[in-house]
Amino acid sequence: MSNVSESPSISWYEDFLGVAYRYFDIRMNIVLMFNENKPARDLWYETMHWWNDHTIKIRFVETGDDYWFVMGADSRRPDTNKYFYKILEKSGNYERFKKGHQGSAYMRFGIYTRDIKKVKNDALCDCGHRKDDHDENNACLYEICDCTKFDTFQLNILKKKKVVTNIKFLSEDDVKDDALAWNCLNRNKYSKTN
């Protein structure tokens, strides 16, 4: 088994939309968002399924108004192992997770969609009205509303999950003391600026 952060052959994966946070389970949830079901499920079974929960590490490296999401783990199938990273903008949901995670979280995948045909009728548009309050051309039926296009999203969280108990929030100055964060930023930021 390879060590999470010392392998020079780490495959870094950033081809996901972003990270969502969910607060209403026993543990908070960190959800990697994808726009299609099959690639997300394939990636789960190829990589995440083989991760040993107790070895999963998540690092949030704060750099001004942004943060790096970095995640890696030991795998029972090192030949298909990937580590994940994404540079994201800090948000209220991120700050809420940071304050309330209590040292553990569920790691899950989810499918993010803006396709109106796939969104439930009780989903709210950005104008605040439900999908079924919009006509067949997506314009809002409320007379006092100027909305001309139903616009919302839906996140369908997949059932499979992993438990993560090694979560750290770091500043960029701290990454040299954390092997996983250092490996990620060294490979994906510092070596590209030289």
Protein backbone atom coordinates (compact mmCIF):
# COMPACT_ATOMS: atom_id res chain seq x y z
CA MET A 1 0.00 0.00 0.00
CA SER A 2 1.29 3.43 -0.85
CA ASN A 3 1.54 6.17 1.73
CA VAL A 4 -0.99 8.97 1.18
CA SER A 5 1.52 11.70 0.65
CA GLU A 6 4.95 10.34 -0.16
CA SER A 7 4.31 8.71 -3.54
CA PRO A 8 5.74 10.71 -6.46
CA SER A 9 3.28 9.03 -8.82
CA ILE A 10 0.09 10.44 -7.30
CA SER A 11 -2.59 11.00 -9.91
CA TRP A 12 -4.36 14.29 -9.10
CA TYR A 13 -7.98 14.56 -10.22
CA GLU A 14 -9.84 17.87 -10.50
CA ASP A 15 -12.50 17.06 -13.11
CA PHE A 16 -15.48 17.63 -10.82
CA LEU A 17 -17.69 20.71 -10.53
CA GLY A 18 -17.01 21.64 -6.93
CA VAL A 19 -17.84 20.77 -3.34
CA ALA A 20 -21.21 21.04 -1.56
CA TYR A 21 -21.84 20.78 2.16
CA ARG A 22 -24.85 19.16 3.81
CA TYR A 23 -25.60 19.61 7.49
CA PHE A 24 -28.57 17.41 8.37
CA ASP A 25 -27.09 13.97 9.05
CA ILE A 26 -25.37 12.57 12.13
CA ARG A 27 -22.19 13.95 10.58
CA MET A 28 -21.91 16.85 8.17
CA ASN A 29 -21.45 15.80 4.55
CA ILE A 30 -18.84 16.87 2.03
CA VAL A 31 -20.22 16.18 -1.45
CA LEU A 32 -18.08 16.23 -4.58
CA MET A 33 -20.38 17.45 -7.36
CA PHE A 34 -20.47 15.98 -10.85
CA ASN A 35 -22.75 16.79 -13.77
CA GLU A 36 -23.36 13.19 -14.87
CA ASN A 37 -24.33 10.08 -12.99
CA LYS A 38 -22.38 7.34 -14.80
CA PRO A 39 -18.91 8.97 -14.65
CA ALA A 40 -19.44 9.76 -10.94
CA ARG A 41 -20.51 6.19 -10.14
CA ASP A 42 -17.64 4.75 -12.20
CA LEU A 43 -15.14 6.97 -10.37
CA TRP A 44 -16.58 5.92 -7.01
CA TYR A 45 -16.22 2.21 -7.80
CA GLU A 46 -12.81 2.65 -9.44
CA THR A 47 -11.30 4.78 -6.66
CA MET A 48 -13.32 5.70 -3.57
CA HIS A 49 -14.76 2.22 -2.97
CA TRP A 50 -11.21 0.93 -2.41
CA TRP A 51 -10.20 3.65 0.05
CA ASN A 52 -9.65 2.66 3.67
CA ASP A 53 -11.82 5.08 5.67
CA HIS A 54 -9.29 5.51 8.48
CA THR A 55 -6.64 6.71 5.98
CA ILE A 56 -8.74 9.38 4.22
CA LYS A 57 -7.35 12.88 4.70
CA ILE A 58 -9.02 16.14 3.70
CA ARG A 59 -7.19 19.44 3.76
CA PHE A 60 -8.66 22.88 3.25
CA VAL A 61 -5.82 25.25 2.38
CA GLU A 62 -6.95 28.86 2.60
CA THR A 63 -5.42 31.36 0.19
CA GLY A 64 -7.13 34.75 0.48
CA ASP A 65 -10.75 34.54 -0.71
CA ASP A 66 -10.21 31.03 -2.08
CA TYR A 67 -9.33 27.64 -0.66
CA TRP A 68 -7.85 24.45 -2.03
CA PHE A 69 -9.89 21.33 -1.34
CA VAL A 70 -7.39 18.45 -1.15
CA MET A 71 -8.30 14.81 -0.45
CA GLY A 72 -6.35 11.56 -0.58
CA ALA A 73 -6.21 8.11 1.00
CA ASP A 74 -4.52 4.75 0.98
CA SER A 75 -6.22 2.33 -1.36
CA ARG A 76 -6.61 -1.42 -1.51
CA ARG A 77 -6.13 -0.95 -5.29
CA PRO A 78 -3.22 1.49 -5.65
CA ASP A 79 -3.14 1.08 -9.45
CA THR A 80 -6.47 2.95 -9.80
CA ASN A 81 -6.02 5.38 -6.92
CA LYS A 82 -6.54 9.08 -7.51
CA TYR A 83 -6.31 12.06 -5.18
CA PHE A 84 -8.73 14.96 -5.54
CA TYR A 85 -8.24 18.71 -5.50
CA LYS A 86 -10.11 21.82 -6.56
CA ILE A 87 -9.58 25.54 -6.02
CA LEU A 88 -12.85 27.02 -4.76
CA GLU A 89 -14.17 30.34 -3.57
CA LYS A 90 -14.91 30.62 0.15
CA SER A 91 -18.64 30.74 0.86
CA GLY A 92 -21.04 30.85 3.76
CA ASN A 93 -21.56 27.09 3.43
CA TYR A 94 -17.81 26.50 3.60
CA GLU A 95 -17.53 28.68 6.72
CA ARG A 96 -20.48 26.85 8.32
CA PHE A 97 -18.82 23.50 7.66
CA LYS A 98 -15.51 24.78 9.04
CA LYS A 99 -17.18 25.85 12.30
CA GLY A 100 -19.46 22.84 12.76
CA HIS A 101 -17.81 19.65 11.42
CA GLN A 102 -16.61 18.52 14.89
CA GLY A 103 -13.72 16.49 13.49
CA SER A 104 -15.54 14.15 11.12
CA ALA A 105 -17.72 14.11 8.01
CA TYR A 106 -19.28 11.81 5.46
CA MET A 107 -17.63 11.97 2.04
CA ARG A 108 -20.11 11.47 -0.80
CA PHE A 109 -20.60 12.14 -4.49
CA GLY A 110 -23.57 14.02 -5.92
CA ILE A 111 -25.07 14.88 -9.29
CA TYR A 112 -25.64 18.61 -9.84
CA THR A 113 -28.21 19.59 -12.45
CA ARG A 114 -29.73 22.79 -13.82
CA ASP A 115 -31.85 20.91 -16.41
CA ILE A 116 -35.45 22.01 -15.76
CA LYS A 117 -36.82 18.64 -16.90
CA LYS A 118 -34.90 16.89 -14.13
CA VAL A 119 -35.77 19.34 -11.34
CA LYS A 120 -38.72 18.56 -9.05
CA ASN A 121 -41.85 20.78 -9.11
CA ASP A 122 -41.26 22.07 -5.58
CA ALA A 123 -37.74 23.30 -6.43
CA LEU A 124 -37.42 27.06 -6.09
CA CYS A 125 -36.24 29.29 -8.91
CA ASP A 126 -33.73 32.05 -8.23
CA CYS A 127 -36.80 34.36 -8.24
CA GLY A 128 -38.15 32.45 -5.20
CA HIS A 129 -41.10 30.76 -6.93
CA ARG A 130 -41.58 27.02 -7.52
CA LYS A 131 -40.93 25.27 -10.83
CA ASP A 132 -44.66 24.65 -11.28
CA ASP A 133 -45.24 28.43 -10.96
CA HIS A 134 -43.47 28.86 -14.32
CA ASP A 135 -45.08 28.33 -17.72
CA GLU A 136 -43.92 25.93 -20.47
CA ASN A 137 -41.47 28.62 -21.67
CA ASN A 138 -40.01 28.86 -18.14
CA ALA A 139 -41.39 32.40 -17.49
CA CYS A 140 -42.76 33.04 -14.01
CA LEU A 141 -46.57 33.13 -13.80
CA TYR A 142 -46.63 35.66 -10.93
CA GLU A 143 -47.64 39.06 -12.32
CA ILE A 144 -45.31 40.96 -10.03
CA CYS A 145 -42.26 38.82 -11.01
CA ASP A 146 -39.93 39.72 -13.88
CA CYS A 147 -38.37 36.25 -14.07
CA THR A 148 -38.30 35.03 -17.68
CA LYS A 149 -36.37 31.80 -17.19
CA PHE A 150 -36.70 29.17 -14.48
CA ASP A 151 -33.25 28.95 -12.96
CA THR A 152 -32.31 26.71 -10.07
CA PHE A 153 -30.25 23.65 -9.39
CA GLN A 154 -30.76 20.31 -7.77
CA LEU A 155 -28.14 18.15 -6.08
CA ASN A 156 -28.90 14.44 -5.94
CA ILE A 157 -26.58 12.92 -3.37
CA LEU A 158 -25.57 9.34 -4.06
CA LYS A 159 -26.05 6.78 -1.27
CA LYS A 160 -22.46 5.50 -0.95
CA LYS A 161 -20.34 7.27 1.63
CA LYS A 162 -17.04 7.13 3.45
CA VAL A 163 -16.30 8.41 6.95
CA VAL A 164 -13.50 10.96 7.18
CA THR A 165 -11.97 11.80 10.55
CA ASN A 166 -8.70 13.43 9.44
CA ILE A 167 -9.78 16.96 8.45
CA LYS A 168 -7.53 20.00 8.74
CA PHE A 169 -7.82 23.67 7.84
CA LEU A 170 -4.48 25.22 6.90
CA SER A 171 -3.10 28.50 5.69
CA GLU A 172 -0.80 28.37 2.69
CA ASP A 173 2.14 29.01 5.04
CA ASP A 174 1.30 25.72 6.85
CA VAL A 175 1.37 23.40 3.81
CA LYS A 176 5.09 22.64 4.15
CA ASP A 177 4.26 20.84 7.41
CA ASP A 178 1.48 18.69 5.90
CA ALA A 179 2.62 16.09 3.36
CA LEU A 180 -0.72 15.79 1.52
CA ALA A 181 -1.27 19.53 1.15
CA TRP A 182 2.38 20.09 0.22
CA ASN A 183 2.30 17.37 -2.45
CA CYS A 184 -0.84 18.88 -4.00
CA LEU A 185 0.23 22.51 -4.04
CA ASN A 186 3.79 21.64 -5.04
CA ARG A 187 2.55 19.63 -8.03
CA ASN A 188 -0.39 21.79 -9.08
CA LYS A 189 0.71 25.33 -8.15
CA TYR A 190 4.38 25.84 -7.29
CA SER A 191 5.93 23.65 -10.03
CA LYS A 192 3.72 25.37 -12.67
CA THR A 193 4.94 28.86 -11.77
CA ASN A 194 8.61 28.03 -12.37
